[in-house]
N, C-alpha and C. Protein backbone atom coordinates (compact mmCIF):
# COMPACT_ATOMS: atom_id res chain seq x y z
N UNK A 1 0.84 -1.18 0.00
CA UNK A 1 0.00 0.00 0.00
C UNK A 1 0.88 1.23 0.00
N UNK A 2 0.55 2.21 -0.81
CA UNK A 2 1.28 3.46 -0.86
C UNK A 2 0.68 4.43 0.14
N UNK A 3 1.52 5.05 0.94
CA UNK A 3 1.06 6.03 1.92
C UNK A 3 0.82 7.35 1.21
N UNK A 4 -0.13 8.13 1.70
CA UNK A 4 -0.47 9.43 1.12
C UNK A 4 0.66 10.44 1.35
N UNK A 5 1.19 10.98 0.29
CA UNK A 5 2.13 12.10 0.33
C UNK A 5 3.13 12.01 1.48
N UNK A 6 4.02 11.05 1.40
CA UNK A 6 5.04 10.88 2.44
C UNK A 6 5.90 12.14 2.51
N UNK A 7 6.14 12.62 3.73
CA UNK A 7 6.97 13.80 3.94
C UNK A 7 8.17 13.43 4.81
N UNK A 8 8.87 14.41 5.28
CA UNK A 8 10.06 14.13 6.09
C UNK A 8 9.86 14.48 7.56
N UNK A 9 8.63 14.51 8.02
CA UNK A 9 8.34 14.88 9.41
C UNK A 9 8.27 13.63 10.29
N UNK A 10 9.00 13.68 11.41
CA UNK A 10 9.02 12.58 12.38
C UNK A 10 8.55 13.11 13.72
N UNK A 11 7.64 12.39 14.33
CA UNK A 11 7.12 12.75 15.65
C UNK A 11 7.81 11.89 16.70
N UNK A 12 8.49 12.54 17.63
CA UNK A 12 9.13 11.85 18.75
C UNK A 12 8.15 11.85 19.90
N UNK A 13 7.65 10.69 20.28
CA UNK A 13 6.62 10.61 21.32
C UNK A 13 7.19 10.58 22.73
N UNK A 14 8.48 10.37 22.85
CA UNK A 14 9.14 10.34 24.16
C UNK A 14 10.44 11.14 24.06
N UNK A 15 10.94 11.57 25.20
CA UNK A 15 12.26 12.20 25.22
C UNK A 15 13.30 11.12 24.94
N UNK A 16 14.25 11.44 24.09
CA UNK A 16 15.29 10.50 23.70
C UNK A 16 16.65 11.17 23.79
N UNK A 17 17.69 10.38 23.64
CA UNK A 17 19.03 10.94 23.61
C UNK A 17 19.13 11.89 22.42
N UNK A 18 19.82 13.00 22.61
CA UNK A 18 19.89 14.02 21.56
C UNK A 18 20.52 13.51 20.26
N UNK A 19 21.32 12.47 20.34
CA UNK A 19 21.95 11.93 19.13
C UNK A 19 20.90 11.38 18.16
N UNK A 20 19.83 10.80 18.67
CA UNK A 20 18.78 10.27 17.80
C UNK A 20 18.20 11.38 16.93
N UNK A 21 17.81 12.48 17.56
CA UNK A 21 17.25 13.60 16.80
C UNK A 21 18.28 14.18 15.83
N UNK A 22 19.53 14.26 16.26
CA UNK A 22 20.59 14.78 15.40
C UNK A 22 20.78 13.89 14.17
N UNK A 23 20.79 12.58 14.37
CA UNK A 23 20.97 11.65 13.24
C UNK A 23 19.78 11.71 12.28
N UNK A 24 18.59 11.83 12.83
CA UNK A 24 17.41 11.96 11.96
C UNK A 24 17.49 13.26 11.15
N UNK A 25 17.89 14.34 11.80
CA UNK A 25 18.04 15.62 11.10
C UNK A 25 19.11 15.52 10.02
N UNK A 26 20.22 14.87 10.32
CA UNK A 26 21.29 14.67 9.33
C UNK A 26 20.80 13.87 8.13
N UNK A 27 19.82 13.00 8.36
CA UNK A 27 19.25 12.18 7.28
C UNK A 27 18.13 12.91 6.53
N UNK A 28 17.86 14.16 6.92
CA UNK A 28 16.88 14.96 6.20
C UNK A 28 15.49 15.00 6.81
N UNK A 29 15.35 14.50 8.03
CA UNK A 29 14.05 14.51 8.70
C UNK A 29 13.92 15.73 9.61
N UNK A 30 12.71 16.23 9.72
CA UNK A 30 12.39 17.29 10.68
C UNK A 30 11.68 16.64 11.85
N UNK A 31 12.21 16.78 13.03
CA UNK A 31 11.67 16.12 14.22
C UNK A 31 10.89 17.09 15.09
N UNK A 32 9.75 16.62 15.58
CA UNK A 32 8.94 17.38 16.51
C UNK A 32 8.77 16.57 17.79
N UNK A 33 8.88 17.25 18.92
CA UNK A 33 8.65 16.62 20.22
C UNK A 33 7.84 17.59 21.06
N UNK A 34 6.74 17.10 21.62
CA UNK A 34 5.87 17.90 22.48
C UNK A 34 5.85 17.23 23.85
N UNK A 35 6.53 17.82 24.83
CA UNK A 35 6.61 17.16 26.13
C UNK A 35 5.28 17.14 26.88
N UNK A 36 4.33 17.93 26.47
CA UNK A 36 3.01 17.96 27.11
C UNK A 36 1.94 17.30 26.22
N UNK A 37 2.34 16.48 25.28
CA UNK A 37 1.41 15.87 24.33
C UNK A 37 0.40 14.96 25.03
N UNK A 38 -0.87 15.15 24.69
CA UNK A 38 -1.94 14.31 25.21
C UNK A 38 -2.45 13.41 24.08
N UNK A 39 -3.19 12.37 24.43
CA UNK A 39 -3.73 11.48 23.41
C UNK A 39 -4.66 12.21 22.44
N UNK A 40 -5.56 13.08 22.90
CA UNK A 40 -6.38 13.82 21.94
C UNK A 40 -5.54 14.68 20.98
N UNK A 41 -4.50 15.32 21.51
CA UNK A 41 -3.63 16.13 20.65
C UNK A 41 -2.87 15.24 19.67
N UNK A 42 -2.38 14.09 20.14
CA UNK A 42 -1.71 13.14 19.25
C UNK A 42 -2.63 12.74 18.10
N UNK A 43 -3.87 12.41 18.41
CA UNK A 43 -4.82 12.03 17.37
C UNK A 43 -5.06 13.16 16.38
N UNK A 44 -4.99 14.38 16.86
CA UNK A 44 -5.20 15.56 16.00
C UNK A 44 -4.03 15.79 15.03
N UNK A 45 -2.80 15.51 15.47
CA UNK A 45 -1.64 15.85 14.65
C UNK A 45 -0.97 14.66 13.96
N UNK A 46 -1.31 13.44 14.31
CA UNK A 46 -0.59 12.27 13.80
C UNK A 46 -0.64 12.16 12.28
N UNK A 47 -1.67 12.69 11.67
CA UNK A 47 -1.80 12.64 10.22
C UNK A 47 -0.77 13.45 9.46
N UNK A 48 -0.01 14.31 10.15
CA UNK A 48 1.01 15.15 9.52
C UNK A 48 2.35 14.45 9.37
N UNK A 49 2.53 13.28 9.97
CA UNK A 49 3.86 12.68 10.09
C UNK A 49 4.04 11.42 9.26
N UNK A 50 5.25 11.28 8.71
CA UNK A 50 5.58 10.06 7.98
C UNK A 50 6.34 9.07 8.86
N UNK A 51 6.81 9.54 10.02
CA UNK A 51 7.52 8.66 10.94
C UNK A 51 7.21 8.98 12.38
N UNK A 52 7.26 7.95 13.21
CA UNK A 52 7.06 8.10 14.66
C UNK A 52 8.15 7.32 15.36
N UNK A 53 8.73 7.94 16.39
CA UNK A 53 9.67 7.26 17.28
C UNK A 53 9.01 7.21 18.65
N UNK A 54 8.89 6.02 19.21
CA UNK A 54 8.17 5.83 20.47
C UNK A 54 8.98 4.94 21.41
N UNK A 55 8.85 5.20 22.69
CA UNK A 55 9.41 4.29 23.70
C UNK A 55 8.23 3.58 24.34
N UNK A 56 7.44 4.30 25.13
CA UNK A 56 6.29 3.65 25.79
C UNK A 56 5.21 4.64 26.21
N UNK A 57 5.33 5.88 25.83
CA UNK A 57 4.40 6.92 26.29
C UNK A 57 2.96 6.69 25.84
N UNK A 58 2.79 6.26 24.59
CA UNK A 58 1.46 6.03 24.03
C UNK A 58 1.39 4.65 23.41
N UNK A 59 0.18 4.09 23.41
CA UNK A 59 -0.09 2.86 22.66
C UNK A 59 -0.48 3.29 21.25
N UNK A 60 0.16 2.70 20.27
CA UNK A 60 -0.17 2.97 18.88
C UNK A 60 -1.02 1.82 18.38
N UNK A 61 -2.31 1.90 18.71
CA UNK A 61 -3.25 0.86 18.32
C UNK A 61 -4.00 1.29 17.06
N UNK A 62 -4.87 0.43 16.59
CA UNK A 62 -5.61 0.69 15.35
C UNK A 62 -6.36 2.01 15.42
N UNK A 63 -6.94 2.33 16.57
CA UNK A 63 -7.69 3.57 16.75
C UNK A 63 -6.84 4.79 16.45
N UNK A 64 -5.59 4.76 16.86
CA UNK A 64 -4.67 5.88 16.61
C UNK A 64 -4.09 5.80 15.20
N UNK A 65 -3.67 4.61 14.80
CA UNK A 65 -2.99 4.45 13.52
C UNK A 65 -3.87 4.74 12.31
N UNK A 66 -5.17 4.54 12.42
CA UNK A 66 -6.06 4.84 11.28
C UNK A 66 -6.04 6.33 10.94
N UNK A 67 -5.63 7.16 11.86
CA UNK A 67 -5.56 8.61 11.63
C UNK A 67 -4.24 9.02 10.99
N UNK A 68 -3.30 8.11 10.90
CA UNK A 68 -1.94 8.40 10.42
C UNK A 68 -1.82 8.08 8.94
N UNK A 69 -2.45 8.86 8.10
CA UNK A 69 -2.53 8.57 6.66
C UNK A 69 -1.20 8.66 5.93
N UNK A 70 -0.23 9.41 6.46
CA UNK A 70 1.08 9.56 5.81
C UNK A 70 2.15 8.68 6.44
N UNK A 71 1.80 7.92 7.46
CA UNK A 71 2.79 7.19 8.23
C UNK A 71 3.45 6.09 7.41
N UNK A 72 4.78 6.13 7.35
CA UNK A 72 5.55 5.12 6.62
C UNK A 72 6.34 4.23 7.56
N UNK A 73 6.70 4.74 8.75
CA UNK A 73 7.48 3.91 9.67
C UNK A 73 7.25 4.30 11.12
N UNK A 74 7.47 3.30 11.99
CA UNK A 74 7.46 3.49 13.44
C UNK A 74 8.74 2.87 13.97
N UNK A 75 9.50 3.65 14.71
CA UNK A 75 10.70 3.15 15.37
C UNK A 75 10.44 3.05 16.86
N UNK A 76 10.74 1.90 17.42
CA UNK A 76 10.54 1.67 18.87
C UNK A 76 11.89 1.69 19.55
N UNK A 77 12.09 2.63 20.46
CA UNK A 77 13.33 2.70 21.24
C UNK A 77 13.18 1.71 22.38
N UNK A 78 13.67 0.50 22.17
CA UNK A 78 13.54 -0.57 23.14
C UNK A 78 13.51 -1.92 22.45
N UNK A 79 13.44 -2.95 23.25
CA UNK A 79 13.57 -4.31 22.73
C UNK A 79 12.31 -4.85 22.07
N UNK A 80 11.16 -4.64 22.65
CA UNK A 80 9.94 -5.25 22.13
C UNK A 80 9.12 -4.30 21.27
N UNK A 81 8.03 -4.83 20.77
CA UNK A 81 7.11 -4.02 19.96
C UNK A 81 5.77 -3.87 20.66
N UNK A 82 5.76 -4.12 21.98
CA UNK A 82 4.52 -3.97 22.72
C UNK A 82 4.03 -2.53 22.62
N UNK A 83 2.74 -2.38 22.58
CA UNK A 83 2.15 -1.06 22.47
C UNK A 83 1.97 -0.58 21.04
N UNK A 84 2.40 -1.39 20.08
CA UNK A 84 2.26 -1.04 18.66
C UNK A 84 1.47 -2.16 17.99
N UNK A 85 0.42 -1.79 17.27
CA UNK A 85 -0.38 -2.77 16.54
C UNK A 85 0.37 -3.15 15.26
N UNK A 86 1.31 -4.08 15.40
CA UNK A 86 2.18 -4.47 14.30
C UNK A 86 1.37 -5.10 13.16
N UNK A 87 0.33 -5.85 13.47
CA UNK A 87 -0.49 -6.45 12.42
C UNK A 87 -1.15 -5.37 11.56
N UNK A 88 -1.68 -4.34 12.20
CA UNK A 88 -2.27 -3.22 11.45
C UNK A 88 -1.20 -2.58 10.57
N UNK A 89 -0.04 -2.35 11.14
CA UNK A 89 1.04 -1.72 10.38
C UNK A 89 1.42 -2.55 9.16
N UNK A 90 1.59 -3.85 9.34
CA UNK A 90 1.94 -4.73 8.22
C UNK A 90 0.90 -4.66 7.12
N UNK A 91 -0.37 -4.66 7.50
CA UNK A 91 -1.44 -4.66 6.50
C UNK A 91 -1.61 -3.31 5.82
N UNK A 92 -0.96 -2.27 6.34
CA UNK A 92 -1.07 -0.94 5.75
C UNK A 92 0.27 -0.39 5.27
N UNK A 93 1.26 -1.25 5.14
CA UNK A 93 2.54 -0.85 4.58
C UNK A 93 3.38 0.06 5.46
N UNK A 94 3.17 -0.01 6.76
CA UNK A 94 3.94 0.80 7.71
C UNK A 94 5.06 -0.07 8.25
N UNK A 95 6.30 0.32 8.03
CA UNK A 95 7.47 -0.43 8.48
C UNK A 95 7.67 -0.19 9.98
N UNK A 96 7.86 -1.26 10.72
CA UNK A 96 8.12 -1.17 12.16
C UNK A 96 9.49 -1.75 12.47
N UNK A 97 10.24 -1.05 13.28
CA UNK A 97 11.55 -1.55 13.69
C UNK A 97 11.81 -1.12 15.12
N UNK A 98 12.76 -1.80 15.76
CA UNK A 98 13.08 -1.49 17.15
C UNK A 98 14.59 -1.46 17.34
N UNK A 99 14.99 -1.08 18.54
CA UNK A 99 16.41 -1.02 18.91
C UNK A 99 16.63 -1.92 20.11
N UNK A 100 16.71 -3.23 19.90
CA UNK A 100 16.76 -4.17 21.02
C UNK A 100 17.99 -4.02 21.92
N UNK A 101 19.06 -3.46 21.42
CA UNK A 101 20.26 -3.32 22.24
C UNK A 101 20.47 -1.88 22.68
N UNK A 102 19.47 -1.05 22.49
CA UNK A 102 19.60 0.37 22.78
C UNK A 102 19.89 0.71 24.23
N UNK A 103 19.48 -0.15 25.15
CA UNK A 103 19.71 0.16 26.56
C UNK A 103 20.70 -0.79 27.22
N UNK A 104 21.48 -1.50 26.44
CA UNK A 104 22.38 -2.51 27.02
C UNK A 104 23.43 -1.91 27.94
N UNK A 105 23.86 -0.67 27.71
CA UNK A 105 24.86 -0.04 28.56
C UNK A 105 24.27 0.55 29.82
N UNK A 106 22.95 0.56 29.92
CA UNK A 106 22.29 1.15 31.08
C UNK A 106 22.28 0.21 32.28
N UNK A 107 22.55 -1.06 32.05
CA UNK A 107 22.48 -2.05 33.12
C UNK A 107 23.81 -2.19 33.83
């Protein structure tokens, strides 16, 4: 499935290490982070983004993902894909990936 008018906007749903945002910017993405983001606000703006980076702040279920008409990818900062409706993503051409070793030095 082709996503509608893919752009270079990425929504960061959680605070992350500054290097992540820097690397995305170096790759040509514009990153937005709202530290006071609520679920209603997320539902209002999610349609503007082609990418989402999430840790665990929000569940990205079918109810939320159906509003994300331009979404091409979801990156999960962490080992699992819990909180993301991966089946919905697969059926709608949204690539999902994670960083399973991202916190290995934290232990």
